[in-house]
Amino acid sequence: MAKTPGKPGMLPTRNDVPSNAKQVSIQTLQACLCDTVDLYNGTRQAHWNVKGPHFGELHKLFEQFYTALAEAGDELAERLVQLGGTANGTTQSIAGGTRLPPYPIDLYAGLDHVAALADRYAMVGKALREGIDSTDEAGDADTADLLTQLSREADKMLWMLEAHLPHDKHE
């Protein structure tokens, strides 16, 4: 099987989003995809290892969240490909592209997971909002709309996590 050396360029498409806007959107979508897949993996880590008095509730909540993140990642990747990009979702691509700090593998207590996830959901929400601005300014309203939808979902998940934490833990 022949491989193309280096990063793949934009693939031809009949999509009429201007080329410059496509480039901005593809770069933004790939960064958000890496963050989303990394957050998915962190949420699965929490789901698998949560312990304590809130186990049942948090185990189910984390499962709902990683399911939603899997769908969000799919939406990001598909939009990226629609614009002529190549969605890079391999473990190596995600590890090299995520903007999130590594998820601690030594957490067990439910509220410790909640706090660690809340920090990361807030980061993803912020990155999505930054992406809304950059893709909208570049002239890709459809990508900005997708990122808006995903930022609302991330904010809702963040709110649900923060509801488990004492008020003095919020910044």
N, C-alpha and C. Protein backbone atom coordinates (compact mmCIF):
# COMPACT_ATOMS: atom_id res chain seq x y z
N MET A 1 0.85 -1.16 0.00
CA MET A 1 0.00 0.00 0.00
C MET A 1 0.90 1.23 0.00
N ALA A 2 0.65 2.15 -0.91
CA ALA A 2 1.45 3.37 -1.02
C ALA A 2 1.02 4.37 0.04
N LYS A 3 2.00 5.04 0.61
CA LYS A 3 1.75 6.07 1.62
C LYS A 3 2.17 7.41 1.05
N THR A 4 1.43 8.44 1.41
CA THR A 4 1.83 9.79 1.05
C THR A 4 2.71 10.31 2.17
N PRO A 5 3.94 10.74 1.84
CA PRO A 5 4.82 11.23 2.91
C PRO A 5 4.31 12.55 3.49
N GLY A 6 4.59 12.75 4.77
CA GLY A 6 4.22 14.00 5.43
C GLY A 6 2.74 14.10 5.69
N LYS A 7 2.31 15.33 6.00
CA LYS A 7 0.90 15.59 6.28
C LYS A 7 0.10 15.59 4.99
N PRO A 8 -1.07 14.98 5.02
CA PRO A 8 -1.90 15.04 3.82
C PRO A 8 -2.42 16.46 3.61
N GLY A 9 -2.48 16.90 2.35
CA GLY A 9 -3.03 18.21 2.04
C GLY A 9 -4.54 18.15 1.98
N MET A 10 -5.12 19.25 1.54
CA MET A 10 -6.57 19.27 1.39
C MET A 10 -6.95 18.44 0.17
N LEU A 11 -7.95 17.63 0.36
CA LEU A 11 -8.45 16.80 -0.73
C LEU A 11 -9.48 17.60 -1.51
N PRO A 12 -9.62 17.33 -2.79
CA PRO A 12 -10.59 18.07 -3.59
C PRO A 12 -12.02 17.79 -3.12
N THR A 13 -12.84 18.83 -3.16
CA THR A 13 -14.25 18.71 -2.81
C THR A 13 -15.03 19.79 -3.54
N ARG A 14 -16.28 19.54 -3.76
CA ARG A 14 -17.15 20.53 -4.40
C ARG A 14 -17.74 21.50 -3.37
N ASN A 15 -17.42 21.29 -2.12
CA ASN A 15 -17.89 22.19 -1.06
C ASN A 15 -17.36 23.59 -1.36
N ASP A 16 -18.26 24.59 -1.40
CA ASP A 16 -17.86 25.92 -1.84
C ASP A 16 -17.40 26.86 -0.72
N VAL A 17 -17.11 26.34 0.46
CA VAL A 17 -16.50 27.16 1.50
C VAL A 17 -15.15 27.62 0.94
N PRO A 18 -14.85 28.92 1.04
CA PRO A 18 -13.58 29.41 0.49
C PRO A 18 -12.37 28.65 1.05
N SER A 19 -11.35 28.50 0.22
CA SER A 19 -10.17 27.72 0.57
C SER A 19 -9.53 28.17 1.88
N ASN A 20 -9.40 29.47 2.08
CA ASN A 20 -8.80 29.98 3.32
C ASN A 20 -9.64 29.58 4.52
N ALA A 21 -10.96 29.69 4.40
CA ALA A 21 -11.85 29.30 5.50
C ALA A 21 -11.74 27.80 5.76
N LYS A 22 -11.62 27.02 4.70
CA LYS A 22 -11.46 25.57 4.87
C LYS A 22 -10.20 25.27 5.67
N GLN A 23 -9.11 25.93 5.34
CA GLN A 23 -7.85 25.68 6.04
C GLN A 23 -7.96 26.02 7.52
N VAL A 24 -8.56 27.18 7.83
CA VAL A 24 -8.75 27.57 9.23
C VAL A 24 -9.64 26.56 9.94
N SER A 25 -10.73 26.18 9.30
CA SER A 25 -11.67 25.25 9.91
C SER A 25 -11.06 23.87 10.12
N ILE A 26 -10.33 23.39 9.13
CA ILE A 26 -9.71 22.06 9.26
C ILE A 26 -8.74 22.05 10.43
N GLN A 27 -7.93 23.08 10.55
CA GLN A 27 -6.98 23.16 11.66
C GLN A 27 -7.72 23.24 13.00
N THR A 28 -8.74 24.05 13.06
CA THR A 28 -9.54 24.20 14.29
C THR A 28 -10.24 22.90 14.64
N LEU A 29 -10.86 22.27 13.65
CA LEU A 29 -11.58 21.03 13.89
C LEU A 29 -10.65 19.92 14.36
N GLN A 30 -9.45 19.84 13.77
CA GLN A 30 -8.50 18.80 14.18
C GLN A 30 -8.08 19.01 15.63
N ALA A 31 -7.81 20.25 16.02
CA ALA A 31 -7.43 20.53 17.41
C ALA A 31 -8.56 20.16 18.36
N CYS A 32 -9.78 20.51 17.99
CA CYS A 32 -10.94 20.18 18.83
C CYS A 32 -11.18 18.68 18.87
N LEU A 33 -10.94 18.01 17.75
CA LEU A 33 -11.07 16.55 17.71
C LEU A 33 -10.09 15.90 18.69
N CYS A 34 -8.84 16.34 18.67
CA CYS A 34 -7.85 15.78 19.60
C CYS A 34 -8.29 15.99 21.05
N ASP A 35 -8.73 17.20 21.37
CA ASP A 35 -9.18 17.48 22.74
C ASP A 35 -10.37 16.61 23.11
N THR A 36 -11.31 16.47 22.19
CA THR A 36 -12.53 15.70 22.46
C THR A 36 -12.23 14.23 22.68
N VAL A 37 -11.37 13.66 21.85
CA VAL A 37 -11.02 12.25 22.03
C VAL A 37 -10.24 12.06 23.33
N ASP A 38 -9.36 13.00 23.64
CA ASP A 38 -8.62 12.91 24.90
C ASP A 38 -9.58 13.00 26.09
N LEU A 39 -10.54 13.90 26.01
CA LEU A 39 -11.53 14.03 27.09
C LEU A 39 -12.39 12.77 27.18
N TYR A 40 -12.74 12.20 26.05
CA TYR A 40 -13.46 10.92 26.01
C TYR A 40 -12.67 9.87 26.79
N ASN A 41 -11.37 9.77 26.49
CA ASN A 41 -10.54 8.78 27.17
C ASN A 41 -10.43 9.05 28.67
N GLY A 42 -10.29 10.30 29.06
CA GLY A 42 -10.25 10.64 30.48
C GLY A 42 -11.56 10.31 31.18
N THR A 43 -12.66 10.55 30.49
CA THR A 43 -13.97 10.25 31.07
C THR A 43 -14.16 8.74 31.20
N ARG A 44 -13.67 7.99 30.24
CA ARG A 44 -13.71 6.52 30.37
C ARG A 44 -12.85 6.06 31.53
N GLN A 45 -11.68 6.67 31.70
CA GLN A 45 -10.80 6.34 32.83
C GLN A 45 -11.55 6.54 34.14
N ALA A 46 -12.24 7.66 34.25
CA ALA A 46 -13.02 7.94 35.46
C ALA A 46 -14.15 6.92 35.62
N HIS A 47 -14.85 6.61 34.55
CA HIS A 47 -15.96 5.66 34.57
C HIS A 47 -15.50 4.29 35.07
N TRP A 48 -14.36 3.85 34.60
CA TRP A 48 -13.85 2.52 34.96
C TRP A 48 -13.35 2.45 36.39
N ASN A 49 -12.84 3.55 36.92
CA ASN A 49 -12.11 3.50 38.19
C ASN A 49 -12.75 4.25 39.34
N VAL A 50 -13.90 4.85 39.13
CA VAL A 50 -14.53 5.62 40.20
C VAL A 50 -14.90 4.71 41.38
N LYS A 51 -14.68 5.23 42.58
CA LYS A 51 -15.00 4.50 43.82
C LYS A 51 -15.67 5.47 44.79
N GLY A 52 -16.31 4.91 45.78
CA GLY A 52 -16.85 5.74 46.85
C GLY A 52 -18.36 5.79 46.88
N PRO A 53 -18.88 6.63 47.77
CA PRO A 53 -20.32 6.67 48.01
C PRO A 53 -21.15 7.14 46.82
N HIS A 54 -20.54 7.82 45.87
CA HIS A 54 -21.27 8.31 44.70
C HIS A 54 -21.06 7.42 43.47
N PHE A 55 -20.54 6.21 43.71
CA PHE A 55 -20.16 5.33 42.61
C PHE A 55 -21.27 5.17 41.56
N GLY A 56 -22.44 4.72 41.98
CA GLY A 56 -23.51 4.39 41.03
C GLY A 56 -23.89 5.58 40.17
N GLU A 57 -24.12 6.70 40.80
CA GLU A 57 -24.52 7.91 40.08
C GLU A 57 -23.42 8.37 39.12
N LEU A 58 -22.18 8.42 39.60
CA LEU A 58 -21.09 8.92 38.77
C LEU A 58 -20.74 7.95 37.65
N HIS A 59 -20.77 6.66 37.94
CA HIS A 59 -20.49 5.66 36.92
C HIS A 59 -21.44 5.84 35.73
N LYS A 60 -22.72 6.02 36.01
CA LYS A 60 -23.72 6.24 34.95
C LYS A 60 -23.52 7.59 34.26
N LEU A 61 -23.24 8.63 35.05
CA LEU A 61 -23.04 9.97 34.49
C LEU A 61 -21.84 9.98 33.54
N PHE A 62 -20.74 9.38 33.97
CA PHE A 62 -19.55 9.35 33.12
C PHE A 62 -19.81 8.58 31.83
N GLU A 63 -20.61 7.53 31.91
CA GLU A 63 -20.96 6.77 30.70
C GLU A 63 -21.78 7.64 29.75
N GLN A 64 -22.72 8.40 30.27
CA GLN A 64 -23.50 9.32 29.42
C GLN A 64 -22.58 10.32 28.75
N PHE A 65 -21.61 10.83 29.51
CA PHE A 65 -20.71 11.84 28.98
C PHE A 65 -19.80 11.27 27.90
N TYR A 66 -19.20 10.09 28.12
CA TYR A 66 -18.30 9.60 27.09
C TYR A 66 -19.06 9.18 25.85
N THR A 67 -20.31 8.77 26.00
CA THR A 67 -21.13 8.47 24.83
C THR A 67 -21.38 9.74 24.02
N ALA A 68 -21.70 10.84 24.71
CA ALA A 68 -21.90 12.12 24.03
C ALA A 68 -20.60 12.61 23.38
N LEU A 69 -19.48 12.39 24.04
CA LEU A 69 -18.19 12.81 23.47
C LEU A 69 -17.84 12.00 22.22
N ALA A 70 -18.19 10.73 22.21
CA ALA A 70 -17.95 9.91 21.02
C ALA A 70 -18.73 10.48 19.83
N GLU A 71 -19.97 10.87 20.07
CA GLU A 71 -20.78 11.47 19.01
C GLU A 71 -20.20 12.82 18.58
N ALA A 72 -19.75 13.62 19.54
CA ALA A 72 -19.16 14.92 19.22
C ALA A 72 -17.90 14.74 18.39
N GLY A 73 -17.07 13.78 18.76
CA GLY A 73 -15.85 13.52 18.00
C GLY A 73 -16.17 13.12 16.57
N ASP A 74 -17.21 12.33 16.40
CA ASP A 74 -17.63 11.92 15.06
C ASP A 74 -18.09 13.12 14.24
N GLU A 75 -18.84 14.02 14.86
CA GLU A 75 -19.30 15.24 14.17
C GLU A 75 -18.12 16.11 13.74
N LEU A 76 -17.15 16.27 14.64
CA LEU A 76 -15.96 17.07 14.32
C LEU A 76 -15.18 16.46 13.16
N ALA A 77 -14.95 15.15 13.24
CA ALA A 77 -14.18 14.46 12.20
C ALA A 77 -14.90 14.51 10.85
N GLU A 78 -16.20 14.30 10.87
CA GLU A 78 -16.95 14.30 9.61
C GLU A 78 -16.96 15.69 8.97
N ARG A 79 -17.09 16.74 9.78
CA ARG A 79 -17.05 18.10 9.22
C ARG A 79 -15.66 18.38 8.63
N LEU A 80 -14.64 17.96 9.31
CA LEU A 80 -13.27 18.14 8.84
C LEU A 80 -13.09 17.49 7.47
N VAL A 81 -13.60 16.29 7.32
CA VAL A 81 -13.47 15.56 6.05
C VAL A 81 -14.34 16.21 4.97
N GLN A 82 -15.52 16.70 5.35
CA GLN A 82 -16.38 17.39 4.38
C GLN A 82 -15.67 18.57 3.73
N LEU A 83 -14.76 19.19 4.48
CA LEU A 83 -14.05 20.37 3.98
C LEU A 83 -12.79 20.00 3.21
N GLY A 84 -12.51 18.70 3.06
CA GLY A 84 -11.35 18.26 2.30
C GLY A 84 -10.15 17.90 3.16
N GLY A 85 -10.32 17.86 4.47
CA GLY A 85 -9.23 17.49 5.36
C GLY A 85 -9.21 15.99 5.63
N THR A 86 -8.23 15.58 6.38
CA THR A 86 -8.11 14.19 6.82
C THR A 86 -8.20 14.20 8.34
N ALA A 87 -9.19 13.53 8.88
CA ALA A 87 -9.36 13.46 10.34
C ALA A 87 -8.32 12.51 10.91
N ASN A 88 -7.49 13.02 11.79
CA ASN A 88 -6.43 12.22 12.40
C ASN A 88 -6.83 11.87 13.83
N GLY A 89 -7.23 10.62 14.03
CA GLY A 89 -7.71 10.20 15.33
C GLY A 89 -6.94 9.04 15.92
N THR A 90 -5.75 8.76 15.39
CA THR A 90 -4.96 7.68 15.96
C THR A 90 -4.47 8.08 17.35
N THR A 91 -4.10 7.10 18.11
CA THR A 91 -3.59 7.36 19.46
C THR A 91 -2.42 8.33 19.40
N GLN A 92 -1.53 8.15 18.45
CA GLN A 92 -0.37 9.01 18.33
C GLN A 92 -0.77 10.44 17.97
N SER A 93 -1.74 10.59 17.06
CA SER A 93 -2.21 11.93 16.69
C SER A 93 -2.86 12.64 17.87
N ILE A 94 -3.66 11.90 18.62
CA ILE A 94 -4.35 12.49 19.77
C ILE A 94 -3.33 12.90 20.83
N ALA A 95 -2.39 12.01 21.13
CA ALA A 95 -1.39 12.31 22.16
C ALA A 95 -0.56 13.53 21.77
N GLY A 96 -0.25 13.67 20.50
CA GLY A 96 0.55 14.80 20.06
C GLY A 96 -0.23 16.08 19.85
N GLY A 97 -1.55 15.98 19.75
CA GLY A 97 -2.35 17.16 19.42
C GLY A 97 -3.24 17.69 20.52
N THR A 98 -3.44 16.93 21.59
CA THR A 98 -4.34 17.41 22.63
C THR A 98 -3.75 18.61 23.36
N ARG A 99 -4.63 19.50 23.75
CA ARG A 99 -4.22 20.66 24.54
C ARG A 99 -4.54 20.46 26.02
N LEU A 100 -5.08 19.30 26.37
CA LEU A 100 -5.44 19.00 27.75
C LEU A 100 -4.26 18.41 28.50
N PRO A 101 -4.20 18.67 29.81
CA PRO A 101 -3.16 18.00 30.60
C PRO A 101 -3.49 16.51 30.72
N PRO A 102 -2.48 15.68 30.93
CA PRO A 102 -2.75 14.24 31.07
C PRO A 102 -3.72 13.98 32.22
N TYR A 103 -4.62 13.04 31.99
CA TYR A 103 -5.58 12.68 33.04
C TYR A 103 -4.87 11.81 34.07
N PRO A 104 -4.99 12.14 35.36
CA PRO A 104 -4.30 11.34 36.39
C PRO A 104 -4.83 9.91 36.42
N ILE A 105 -3.94 8.96 36.47
CA ILE A 105 -4.36 7.55 36.50
C ILE A 105 -4.44 7.02 37.93
N ASP A 106 -4.15 7.85 38.90
CA ASP A 106 -4.18 7.41 40.30
C ASP A 106 -5.37 8.00 41.06
N LEU A 107 -6.41 8.42 40.35
CA LEU A 107 -7.62 8.92 41.01
C LEU A 107 -8.61 7.78 41.19
N TYR A 108 -9.30 7.80 42.33
CA TYR A 108 -10.33 6.79 42.59
C TYR A 108 -11.59 7.42 43.17
N ALA A 109 -11.43 8.33 44.11
CA ALA A 109 -12.58 8.94 44.78
C ALA A 109 -13.44 9.69 43.77
N GLY A 110 -14.74 9.48 43.87
CA GLY A 110 -15.67 10.06 42.92
C GLY A 110 -15.51 11.56 42.72
N LEU A 111 -15.44 12.32 43.81
CA LEU A 111 -15.36 13.76 43.67
C LEU A 111 -14.00 14.23 43.16
N ASP A 112 -12.96 13.42 43.35
CA ASP A 112 -11.67 13.74 42.74
C ASP A 112 -11.76 13.62 41.22
N HIS A 113 -12.46 12.60 40.75
CA HIS A 113 -12.69 12.47 39.31
C HIS A 113 -13.54 13.63 38.80
N VAL A 114 -14.57 13.98 39.55
CA VAL A 114 -15.44 15.08 39.13
C VAL A 114 -14.63 16.36 38.97
N ALA A 115 -13.78 16.67 39.92
CA ALA A 115 -12.98 17.90 39.86
C ALA A 115 -12.00 17.86 38.67
N ALA A 116 -11.34 16.72 38.48
CA ALA A 116 -10.39 16.60 37.36
C ALA A 116 -11.10 16.72 36.02
N LEU A 117 -12.27 16.11 35.92
CA LEU A 117 -13.03 16.20 34.67
C LEU A 117 -13.57 17.61 34.47
N ALA A 118 -14.05 18.24 35.53
CA ALA A 118 -14.59 19.60 35.41
C ALA A 118 -13.54 20.55 34.84
N ASP A 119 -12.32 20.43 35.31
CA ASP A 119 -11.24 21.27 34.77
C ASP A 119 -11.09 21.06 33.27
N ARG A 120 -11.14 19.82 32.83
CA ARG A 120 -10.93 19.50 31.42
C ARG A 120 -12.15 19.85 30.56
N TYR A 121 -13.36 19.67 31.08
CA TYR A 121 -14.55 20.07 30.32
C TYR A 121 -14.56 21.59 30.14
N ALA A 122 -14.11 22.33 31.15
CA ALA A 122 -14.03 23.79 31.03
C ALA A 122 -13.03 24.17 29.93
N MET A 123 -11.90 23.48 29.87
CA MET A 123 -10.89 23.76 28.84
C MET A 123 -11.43 23.48 27.44
N VAL A 124 -12.14 22.37 27.31
CA VAL A 124 -12.71 22.02 26.01
C VAL A 124 -13.77 23.04 25.60
N GLY A 125 -14.62 23.45 26.54
CA GLY A 125 -15.62 24.48 26.24
C GLY A 125 -14.97 25.77 25.77
N LYS A 126 -13.92 26.18 26.44
CA LYS A 126 -13.21 27.40 26.06
C LYS A 126 -12.61 27.26 24.66
N ALA A 127 -11.97 26.12 24.38
CA ALA A 127 -11.37 25.89 23.06
C ALA A 127 -12.44 25.89 21.97
N LEU A 128 -13.59 25.30 22.25
CA LEU A 128 -14.68 25.31 21.27
C LEU A 128 -15.14 26.73 20.98
N ARG A 129 -15.26 27.56 22.02
CA ARG A 129 -15.68 28.95 21.81
C ARG A 129 -14.63 29.74 21.02
N GLU A 130 -13.37 29.47 21.28
CA GLU A 130 -12.32 30.12 20.48
C GLU A 130 -12.42 29.67 19.03
N GLY A 131 -12.74 28.40 18.82
CA GLY A 131 -12.93 27.88 17.47
C GLY A 131 -14.12 28.50 16.77
N ILE A 132 -15.18 28.78 17.53
CA ILE A 132 -16.35 29.45 16.95
C ILE A 132 -15.92 30.78 16.35
N ASP A 133 -15.17 31.54 17.13
CA ASP A 133 -14.74 32.86 16.67
C ASP A 133 -13.84 32.76 15.45
N SER A 134 -12.86 31.86 15.48
CA SER A 134 -11.90 31.80 14.36
C SER A 134 -12.56 31.29 13.08
N THR A 135 -13.44 30.30 13.18
CA THR A 135 -14.08 29.78 11.96
C THR A 135 -15.12 30.75 11.42
N ASP A 136 -15.80 31.47 12.31
CA ASP A 136 -16.76 32.47 11.87
C ASP A 136 -16.04 33.62 11.17
N GLU A 137 -14.96 34.10 11.77
CA GLU A 137 -14.18 35.18 11.16
C GLU A 137 -13.60 34.76 9.81
N ALA A 138 -13.25 33.48 9.66
CA ALA A 138 -12.70 32.99 8.40
C ALA A 138 -13.77 32.83 7.32
N GLY A 139 -15.04 32.82 7.72
CA GLY A 139 -16.13 32.72 6.75
C GLY A 139 -16.78 31.35 6.65
N ASP A 140 -16.62 30.52 7.67
CA ASP A 140 -17.24 29.19 7.66
C ASP A 140 -18.31 29.13 8.76
N ALA A 141 -19.48 29.65 8.43
CA ALA A 141 -20.57 29.71 9.40
C ALA A 141 -21.05 28.33 9.83
N ASP A 142 -20.97 27.35 8.93
CA ASP A 142 -21.45 26.01 9.28
C ASP A 142 -20.57 25.36 10.35
N THR A 143 -19.26 25.51 10.22
CA THR A 143 -18.37 24.97 11.25
C THR A 143 -18.55 25.73 12.55
N ALA A 144 -18.70 27.05 12.47
CA ALA A 144 -18.95 27.84 13.68
C ALA A 144 -20.24 27.38 14.37
N ASP A 145 -21.25 27.03 13.58
CA ASP A 145 -22.52 26.55 14.13
C ASP A 145 -22.33 25.20 14.83
N LEU A 146 -21.57 24.31 14.20
CA LEU A 146 -21.30 23.00 14.82
C LEU A 146 -20.57 23.19 16.14
N LEU A 147 -19.56 24.04 16.14
CA LEU A 147 -18.80 24.28 17.37
C LEU A 147 -19.67 24.93 18.44
N THR A 148 -20.61 25.77 18.03
CA THR A 148 -21.56 26.37 18.98
C THR A 148 -22.41 25.29 19.64
N GLN A 149 -22.92 24.38 18.84
CA GLN A 149 -23.71 23.27 19.38
C GLN A 149 -22.88 22.45 20.37
N LEU A 150 -21.66 22.14 19.99
CA LEU A 150 -20.81 21.32 20.86
C LEU A 150 -20.39 22.07 22.12
N SER A 151 -20.22 23.37 22.02
CA SER A 151 -19.86 24.14 23.22
C SER A 151 -21.02 24.16 24.21
N ARG A 152 -22.24 24.24 23.71
CA ARG A 152 -23.41 24.17 24.61
C ARG A 152 -23.46 22.83 25.32
N GLU A 153 -23.17 21.75 24.60
CA GLU A 153 -23.16 20.42 25.21
C GLU A 153 -22.05 20.30 26.24
N ALA A 154 -20.87 20.82 25.93
CA ALA A 154 -19.75 20.77 26.88
C ALA A 154 -20.08 21.59 28.13
N ASP A 155 -20.71 22.75 27.93
CA ASP A 155 -21.08 23.58 29.08
C ASP A 155 -22.12 22.88 29.96
N LYS A 156 -23.04 22.16 29.35
CA LYS A 156 -24.04 21.44 30.13
C LYS A 156 -23.38 20.33 30.95
N MET A 157 -22.45 19.61 30.34
CA MET A 157 -21.75 18.56 31.08
C MET A 157 -20.91 19.17 32.21
N LEU A 158 -20.26 20.30 31.94
CA LEU A 158 -19.50 20.99 32.98
C LEU A 158 -20.42 21.38 34.13
N TRP A 159 -21.57 21.93 33.83
CA TRP A 159 -22.53 22.32 34.85
C TRP A 159 -22.93 21.11 35.70
N MET A 160 -23.17 19.98 35.07
CA MET A 160 -23.56 18.79 35.81
C MET A 160 -22.43 18.30 36.71
N LEU A 161 -21.19 18.43 36.25
CA LEU A 161 -20.05 18.06 37.10
C LEU A 161 -19.92 19.03 38.27
N GLU A 162 -19.98 20.31 37.97
CA GLU A 162 -19.82 21.32 39.03
C GLU A 162 -20.91 21.22 40.09
N ALA A 163 -22.08 20.73 39.71
CA ALA A 163 -23.17 20.58 40.68
C ALA A 163 -22.81 19.59 41.78
N HIS A 164 -21.85 18.74 41.53
CA HIS A 164 -21.40 17.76 42.53
C HIS A 164 -20.35 18.32 43.48
N LEU A 165 -19.79 19.46 43.13
CA LEU A 165 -18.68 20.02 43.90
C LEU A 165 -19.15 21.11 44.85
N PRO A 166 -18.46 21.27 45.98
CA PRO A 166 -18.79 22.38 46.87
C PRO A 166 -18.56 23.71 46.14
N HIS A 167 -19.31 24.73 46.50
CA HIS A 167 -19.20 26.03 45.82
C HIS A 167 -17.82 26.62 45.91
N ASP A 168 -17.08 26.35 46.97
CA ASP A 168 -15.74 26.93 47.09
C ASP A 168 -14.73 26.28 46.16
N LYS A 169 -15.11 25.23 45.44
CA LYS A 169 -14.21 24.57 44.49
C LYS A 169 -14.34 25.18 43.09
N HIS A 170 -15.30 26.06 42.87
CA HIS A 170 -15.51 26.66 41.56
C HIS A 170 -14.69 27.94 41.49
N GLU A 171 -14.22 28.22 40.31
CA GLU A 171 -13.46 29.47 40.12
C GLU A 171 -14.20 30.36 39.19
